[in-house]
Amino acid sequence: MKPIINSTKFGSIIIDKNTYYNDVIIKLDGNVVKRNKNLSREVTGTSHKVSLQEIRSFYEQDAKTIVIGSGQYGILNLTQEAKDFLNENDCELKIQSTPEAIRIWNDSSENVIGLFHVTC
């Protein structure tokens, strides 16, 4: 079941009334897991650019959409290779600042994965 995201502020996000103090991935089954920033940091030199390796680590074949909260100020982005991978797999990318991405997430249907950056 897809969890509801209640709110966010700099450094945290509340999902189904549970507070997380790190970036998170919400999987297709609704499980919330900590984002592995190192997968992108090792390739791009920063955790503010999501790499192909990181996308592959949480992408699920039945996903129709990935909603990405790019941070409170919208700093996070994806490498071109990561965008190409999603396109090749017919997975729509919706990337907005985290507060706006929460609205998109909560209004979305099933078969959606989320990545939410909670700081910048």
N, C-alpha and C. Protein backbone atom coordinates (compact mmCIF):
# COMPACT_ATOMS: atom_id res chain seq x y z
N MET A 1 0.83 -1.18 0.00
CA MET A 1 0.00 0.00 0.00
C MET A 1 0.88 1.25 0.00
N LYS A 2 0.52 2.21 -0.82
CA LYS A 2 1.32 3.43 -0.96
C LYS A 2 1.14 4.31 0.28
N PRO A 3 2.25 4.63 0.96
CA PRO A 3 2.15 5.48 2.15
C PRO A 3 1.86 6.94 1.78
N ILE A 4 1.30 7.64 2.73
CA ILE A 4 1.03 9.07 2.58
C ILE A 4 2.21 9.83 3.19
N ILE A 5 2.66 10.84 2.48
CA ILE A 5 3.71 11.70 3.03
C ILE A 5 3.00 12.89 3.67
N ASN A 6 3.23 13.05 4.97
CA ASN A 6 2.53 14.07 5.74
C ASN A 6 3.13 15.45 5.57
N SER A 7 4.47 15.54 5.62
CA SER A 7 5.11 16.86 5.51
C SER A 7 6.62 16.70 5.41
N THR A 8 7.27 17.82 5.15
CA THR A 8 8.73 17.87 5.14
C THR A 8 9.18 19.24 5.62
N LYS A 9 10.37 19.28 6.14
CA LYS A 9 11.07 20.53 6.43
C LYS A 9 12.54 20.21 6.26
N PHE A 10 13.37 21.22 6.24
CA PHE A 10 14.79 21.01 6.00
C PHE A 10 15.33 19.97 6.97
N GLY A 11 15.81 18.84 6.42
CA GLY A 11 16.44 17.80 7.22
C GLY A 11 15.53 16.66 7.65
N SER A 12 14.24 16.72 7.29
CA SER A 12 13.37 15.62 7.69
C SER A 12 12.15 15.51 6.78
N ILE A 13 11.52 14.34 6.83
CA ILE A 13 10.30 14.07 6.09
C ILE A 13 9.45 13.16 6.97
N ILE A 14 8.15 13.39 6.98
CA ILE A 14 7.23 12.57 7.76
C ILE A 14 6.37 11.76 6.80
N ILE A 15 6.47 10.43 6.93
CA ILE A 15 5.76 9.50 6.07
C ILE A 15 4.92 8.59 6.96
N ASP A 16 3.62 8.59 6.73
CA ASP A 16 2.70 7.82 7.58
C ASP A 16 2.99 8.05 9.07
N LYS A 17 3.21 9.31 9.41
CA LYS A 17 3.43 9.77 10.79
C LYS A 17 4.75 9.32 11.40
N ASN A 18 5.65 8.76 10.58
CA ASN A 18 7.00 8.40 11.03
C ASN A 18 7.98 9.42 10.47
N THR A 19 8.85 9.93 11.31
CA THR A 19 9.81 10.94 10.90
C THR A 19 11.13 10.30 10.50
N TYR A 20 11.65 10.72 9.34
CA TYR A 20 12.94 10.25 8.82
C TYR A 20 13.85 11.46 8.69
N TYR A 21 15.10 11.29 9.12
CA TYR A 21 16.07 12.38 9.11
C TYR A 21 17.14 12.18 8.05
N ASN A 22 16.79 11.45 7.00
CA ASN A 22 17.72 11.19 5.90
C ASN A 22 16.91 11.08 4.62
N ASP A 23 17.59 11.13 3.49
CA ASP A 23 16.93 10.91 2.21
C ASP A 23 16.35 9.50 2.21
N VAL A 24 15.18 9.36 1.56
CA VAL A 24 14.52 8.07 1.55
C VAL A 24 14.08 7.66 0.16
N ILE A 25 13.91 6.36 0.00
CA ILE A 25 13.30 5.75 -1.17
C ILE A 25 12.01 5.10 -0.68
N ILE A 26 10.92 5.31 -1.42
CA ILE A 26 9.69 4.58 -1.14
C ILE A 26 9.50 3.60 -2.30
N LYS A 27 9.53 2.34 -1.96
CA LYS A 27 9.46 1.28 -2.97
C LYS A 27 8.01 1.01 -3.39
N LEU A 28 7.85 0.23 -4.45
CA LEU A 28 6.51 -0.07 -4.95
C LEU A 28 5.60 -0.70 -3.89
N ASP A 29 6.17 -1.49 -2.99
CA ASP A 29 5.36 -2.14 -1.97
C ASP A 29 5.08 -1.23 -0.77
N GLY A 30 5.56 0.02 -0.83
CA GLY A 30 5.32 0.97 0.25
C GLY A 30 6.41 1.01 1.31
N ASN A 31 7.38 0.11 1.23
CA ASN A 31 8.47 0.13 2.20
C ASN A 31 9.32 1.38 2.01
N VAL A 32 9.73 1.97 3.11
CA VAL A 32 10.57 3.15 3.11
C VAL A 32 11.97 2.72 3.54
N VAL A 33 12.96 3.04 2.70
CA VAL A 33 14.35 2.68 3.00
C VAL A 33 15.24 3.91 2.84
N LYS A 34 16.34 3.89 3.53
CA LYS A 34 17.31 4.97 3.44
C LYS A 34 17.96 4.98 2.06
N ARG A 35 18.08 6.14 1.48
CA ARG A 35 18.75 6.29 0.19
C ARG A 35 20.24 6.02 0.34
N ASN A 36 20.81 5.24 -0.58
CA ASN A 36 22.24 4.97 -0.58
C ASN A 36 22.93 6.02 -1.46
N LYS A 37 23.23 7.17 -0.88
CA LYS A 37 23.85 8.29 -1.61
C LYS A 37 25.22 7.93 -2.16
N ASN A 38 25.90 6.99 -1.50
CA ASN A 38 27.27 6.66 -1.92
C ASN A 38 27.33 6.13 -3.35
N LEU A 39 26.25 5.48 -3.82
CA LEU A 39 26.24 4.97 -5.19
C LEU A 39 26.42 6.10 -6.20
N SER A 40 25.84 7.25 -5.92
CA SER A 40 26.00 8.40 -6.82
C SER A 40 27.27 9.17 -6.51
N ARG A 41 27.58 9.31 -5.23
CA ARG A 41 28.76 10.08 -4.83
C ARG A 41 30.04 9.49 -5.43
N GLU A 42 30.11 8.15 -5.48
CA GLU A 42 31.29 7.47 -6.04
C GLU A 42 31.46 7.75 -7.53
N VAL A 43 30.36 7.97 -8.24
CA VAL A 43 30.40 8.17 -9.69
C VAL A 43 30.48 9.64 -10.07
N THR A 44 29.67 10.46 -9.40
CA THR A 44 29.56 11.88 -9.80
C THR A 44 30.34 12.83 -8.90
N GLY A 45 30.79 12.32 -7.75
CA GLY A 45 31.51 13.19 -6.81
C GLY A 45 30.58 13.95 -5.89
N THR A 46 29.28 13.76 -6.04
CA THR A 46 28.30 14.44 -5.18
C THR A 46 27.06 13.57 -5.01
N SER A 47 26.35 13.79 -3.94
CA SER A 47 25.09 13.08 -3.74
C SER A 47 23.92 13.90 -4.27
N HIS A 48 24.23 15.03 -4.90
CA HIS A 48 23.18 15.89 -5.47
C HIS A 48 22.92 15.58 -6.94
N LYS A 49 23.55 14.55 -7.46
CA LYS A 49 23.35 14.10 -8.84
C LYS A 49 23.13 12.60 -8.78
N VAL A 50 21.90 12.16 -9.07
CA VAL A 50 21.56 10.74 -8.99
C VAL A 50 22.11 10.03 -10.23
N SER A 51 22.95 9.04 -9.99
CA SER A 51 23.62 8.32 -11.08
C SER A 51 22.78 7.16 -11.59
N LEU A 52 23.18 6.63 -12.72
CA LEU A 52 22.56 5.43 -13.28
C LEU A 52 22.66 4.28 -12.28
N GLN A 53 23.81 4.12 -11.64
CA GLN A 53 24.00 3.04 -10.68
C GLN A 53 22.99 3.14 -9.54
N GLU A 54 22.74 4.36 -9.08
CA GLU A 54 21.78 4.52 -7.98
C GLU A 54 20.36 4.23 -8.46
N ILE A 55 19.99 4.75 -9.62
CA ILE A 55 18.65 4.48 -10.16
C ILE A 55 18.43 2.97 -10.29
N ARG A 56 19.42 2.28 -10.83
CA ARG A 56 19.30 0.82 -11.00
C ARG A 56 19.14 0.11 -9.66
N SER A 57 19.69 0.67 -8.59
CA SER A 57 19.65 0.01 -7.28
C SER A 57 18.24 -0.01 -6.69
N PHE A 58 17.37 0.92 -7.08
CA PHE A 58 16.03 0.92 -6.51
C PHE A 58 14.91 0.83 -7.54
N TYR A 59 15.24 0.90 -8.81
CA TYR A 59 14.22 0.80 -9.86
C TYR A 59 13.59 -0.60 -9.80
N GLU A 60 12.27 -0.64 -9.99
CA GLU A 60 11.55 -1.92 -10.04
C GLU A 60 10.80 -1.99 -11.36
N GLN A 61 10.81 -3.15 -11.98
CA GLN A 61 10.32 -3.33 -13.34
C GLN A 61 8.87 -2.87 -13.53
N ASP A 62 8.02 -3.01 -12.54
CA ASP A 62 6.61 -2.63 -12.69
C ASP A 62 6.36 -1.14 -12.46
N ALA A 63 7.39 -0.38 -12.17
CA ALA A 63 7.22 1.05 -11.91
C ALA A 63 6.81 1.78 -13.18
N LYS A 64 5.78 2.58 -13.09
CA LYS A 64 5.33 3.42 -14.21
C LYS A 64 5.85 4.84 -14.06
N THR A 65 6.10 5.25 -12.80
CA THR A 65 6.52 6.61 -12.51
C THR A 65 7.53 6.61 -11.37
N ILE A 66 8.50 7.50 -11.45
CA ILE A 66 9.37 7.78 -10.32
C ILE A 66 9.20 9.25 -9.99
N VAL A 67 8.80 9.50 -8.74
CA VAL A 67 8.67 10.87 -8.24
C VAL A 67 9.92 11.17 -7.44
N ILE A 68 10.60 12.25 -7.80
CA ILE A 68 11.82 12.63 -7.08
C ILE A 68 11.63 14.00 -6.46
N GLY A 69 11.81 14.02 -5.15
CA GLY A 69 11.85 15.29 -4.42
C GLY A 69 13.29 15.76 -4.43
N SER A 70 13.54 16.85 -5.11
CA SER A 70 14.91 17.30 -5.37
C SER A 70 15.49 18.18 -4.26
N GLY A 71 14.88 18.16 -3.10
CA GLY A 71 15.37 18.94 -1.96
C GLY A 71 14.49 20.15 -1.71
N GLN A 72 14.66 20.74 -0.56
CA GLN A 72 13.84 21.89 -0.19
C GLN A 72 13.99 23.04 -1.18
N TYR A 73 15.18 23.15 -1.78
CA TYR A 73 15.45 24.23 -2.74
C TYR A 73 15.67 23.71 -4.15
N GLY A 74 15.42 22.42 -4.38
CA GLY A 74 15.48 21.86 -5.72
C GLY A 74 16.87 21.66 -6.29
N ILE A 75 17.83 21.32 -5.48
CA ILE A 75 19.23 21.19 -5.92
C ILE A 75 19.52 19.85 -6.60
N LEU A 76 18.94 18.77 -6.13
CA LEU A 76 19.24 17.42 -6.65
C LEU A 76 18.76 17.27 -8.09
N ASN A 77 19.52 16.54 -8.89
CA ASN A 77 19.16 16.26 -10.27
C ASN A 77 19.65 14.86 -10.64
N LEU A 78 19.42 14.45 -11.87
CA LEU A 78 19.85 13.14 -12.35
C LEU A 78 20.87 13.30 -13.46
N THR A 79 21.75 12.31 -13.58
CA THR A 79 22.66 12.29 -14.72
C THR A 79 21.84 11.99 -15.97
N GLN A 80 22.38 12.32 -17.11
CA GLN A 80 21.68 12.01 -18.37
C GLN A 80 21.50 10.51 -18.53
N GLU A 81 22.49 9.73 -18.10
CA GLU A 81 22.39 8.27 -18.20
C GLU A 81 21.23 7.74 -17.38
N ALA A 82 21.01 8.30 -16.20
CA ALA A 82 19.88 7.88 -15.35
C ALA A 82 18.55 8.24 -16.01
N LYS A 83 18.47 9.44 -16.59
CA LYS A 83 17.25 9.85 -17.30
C LYS A 83 17.00 8.93 -18.50
N ASP A 84 18.06 8.61 -19.23
CA ASP A 84 17.92 7.73 -20.40
C ASP A 84 17.43 6.34 -19.99
N PHE A 85 17.95 5.83 -18.87
CA PHE A 85 17.53 4.52 -18.37
C PHE A 85 16.02 4.51 -18.09
N LEU A 86 15.53 5.53 -17.42
CA LEU A 86 14.10 5.60 -17.12
C LEU A 86 13.28 5.69 -18.40
N ASN A 87 13.75 6.49 -19.33
CA ASN A 87 13.06 6.62 -20.61
C ASN A 87 13.02 5.28 -21.35
N GLU A 88 14.13 4.58 -21.38
CA GLU A 88 14.21 3.28 -22.06
C GLU A 88 13.29 2.25 -21.42
N ASN A 89 12.99 2.43 -20.14
CA ASN A 89 12.12 1.49 -19.42
C ASN A 89 10.69 2.02 -19.29
N ASP A 90 10.36 3.02 -20.10
CA ASP A 90 9.02 3.60 -20.11
C ASP A 90 8.54 3.99 -18.71
N CYS A 91 9.43 4.57 -17.94
CA CYS A 91 9.13 5.01 -16.59
C CYS A 91 9.17 6.54 -16.57
N GLU A 92 8.04 7.14 -16.31
CA GLU A 92 7.95 8.60 -16.30
C GLU A 92 8.68 9.18 -15.10
N LEU A 93 9.42 10.24 -15.32
CA LEU A 93 10.14 10.94 -14.26
C LEU A 93 9.41 12.22 -13.92
N LYS A 94 9.08 12.39 -12.65
CA LYS A 94 8.49 13.63 -12.15
C LYS A 94 9.42 14.14 -11.07
N ILE A 95 10.13 15.22 -11.36
CA ILE A 95 11.10 15.76 -10.41
C ILE A 95 10.73 17.22 -10.10
N GLN A 96 10.57 17.48 -8.81
CA GLN A 96 10.23 18.81 -8.31
C GLN A 96 10.89 18.99 -6.95
N SER A 97 10.87 20.20 -6.43
CA SER A 97 11.35 20.40 -5.07
C SER A 97 10.59 19.44 -4.16
N THR A 98 11.19 19.06 -3.06
CA THR A 98 10.56 18.06 -2.20
C THR A 98 9.16 18.46 -1.74
N PRO A 99 8.91 19.70 -1.32
CA PRO A 99 7.53 20.04 -0.94
C PRO A 99 6.52 19.83 -2.08
N GLU A 100 6.89 20.17 -3.31
CA GLU A 100 5.99 19.98 -4.45
C GLU A 100 5.90 18.50 -4.82
N ALA A 101 7.00 17.78 -4.73
CA ALA A 101 7.01 16.35 -5.06
C ALA A 101 6.12 15.56 -4.10
N ILE A 102 6.01 16.02 -2.87
CA ILE A 102 5.11 15.37 -1.91
C ILE A 102 3.67 15.45 -2.40
N ARG A 103 3.27 16.60 -2.91
CA ARG A 103 1.91 16.75 -3.44
C ARG A 103 1.71 15.80 -4.63
N ILE A 104 2.71 15.73 -5.50
CA ILE A 104 2.62 14.83 -6.65
C ILE A 104 2.51 13.39 -6.17
N TRP A 105 3.35 13.01 -5.22
CA TRP A 105 3.33 11.65 -4.67
C TRP A 105 1.96 11.31 -4.11
N ASN A 106 1.45 12.17 -3.24
CA ASN A 106 0.18 11.87 -2.58
C ASN A 106 -0.99 11.80 -3.56
N ASP A 107 -0.89 12.49 -4.70
CA ASP A 107 -1.94 12.47 -5.72
C ASP A 107 -1.74 11.36 -6.75
N SER A 108 -0.62 10.66 -6.69
CA SER A 108 -0.31 9.67 -7.72
C SER A 108 -1.04 8.36 -7.47
N SER A 109 -1.10 7.56 -8.54
CA SER A 109 -1.73 6.25 -8.44
C SER A 109 -0.68 5.22 -8.03
N GLU A 110 -1.02 3.97 -8.20
CA GLU A 110 -0.10 2.89 -7.86
C GLU A 110 1.05 2.82 -8.87
N ASN A 111 1.96 1.91 -8.63
CA ASN A 111 3.13 1.67 -9.49
C ASN A 111 4.05 2.88 -9.54
N VAL A 112 4.24 3.50 -8.40
CA VAL A 112 5.11 4.67 -8.31
C VAL A 112 6.17 4.42 -7.24
N ILE A 113 7.38 4.86 -7.56
CA ILE A 113 8.51 4.82 -6.64
C ILE A 113 8.85 6.26 -6.30
N GLY A 114 9.32 6.51 -5.10
CA GLY A 114 9.71 7.85 -4.70
C GLY A 114 11.12 7.91 -4.18
N LEU A 115 11.80 9.01 -4.48
CA LEU A 115 13.10 9.33 -3.87
C LEU A 115 12.95 10.76 -3.37
N PHE A 116 13.20 10.96 -2.09
CA PHE A 116 13.00 12.27 -1.50
C PHE A 116 14.27 12.73 -0.79
N HIS A 117 14.84 13.82 -1.30
CA HIS A 117 16.02 14.47 -0.74
C HIS A 117 15.51 15.49 0.28
N VAL A 118 16.00 15.42 1.52
CA VAL A 118 15.39 16.22 2.58
C VAL A 118 16.15 17.49 2.95
N THR A 119 17.32 17.69 2.35
CA THR A 119 18.03 18.94 2.66
C THR A 119 17.97 19.86 1.44
N CYS A 120 19.08 20.42 1.04
CA CYS A 120 19.10 21.46 0.01
C CYS A 120 18.38 21.07 -1.25
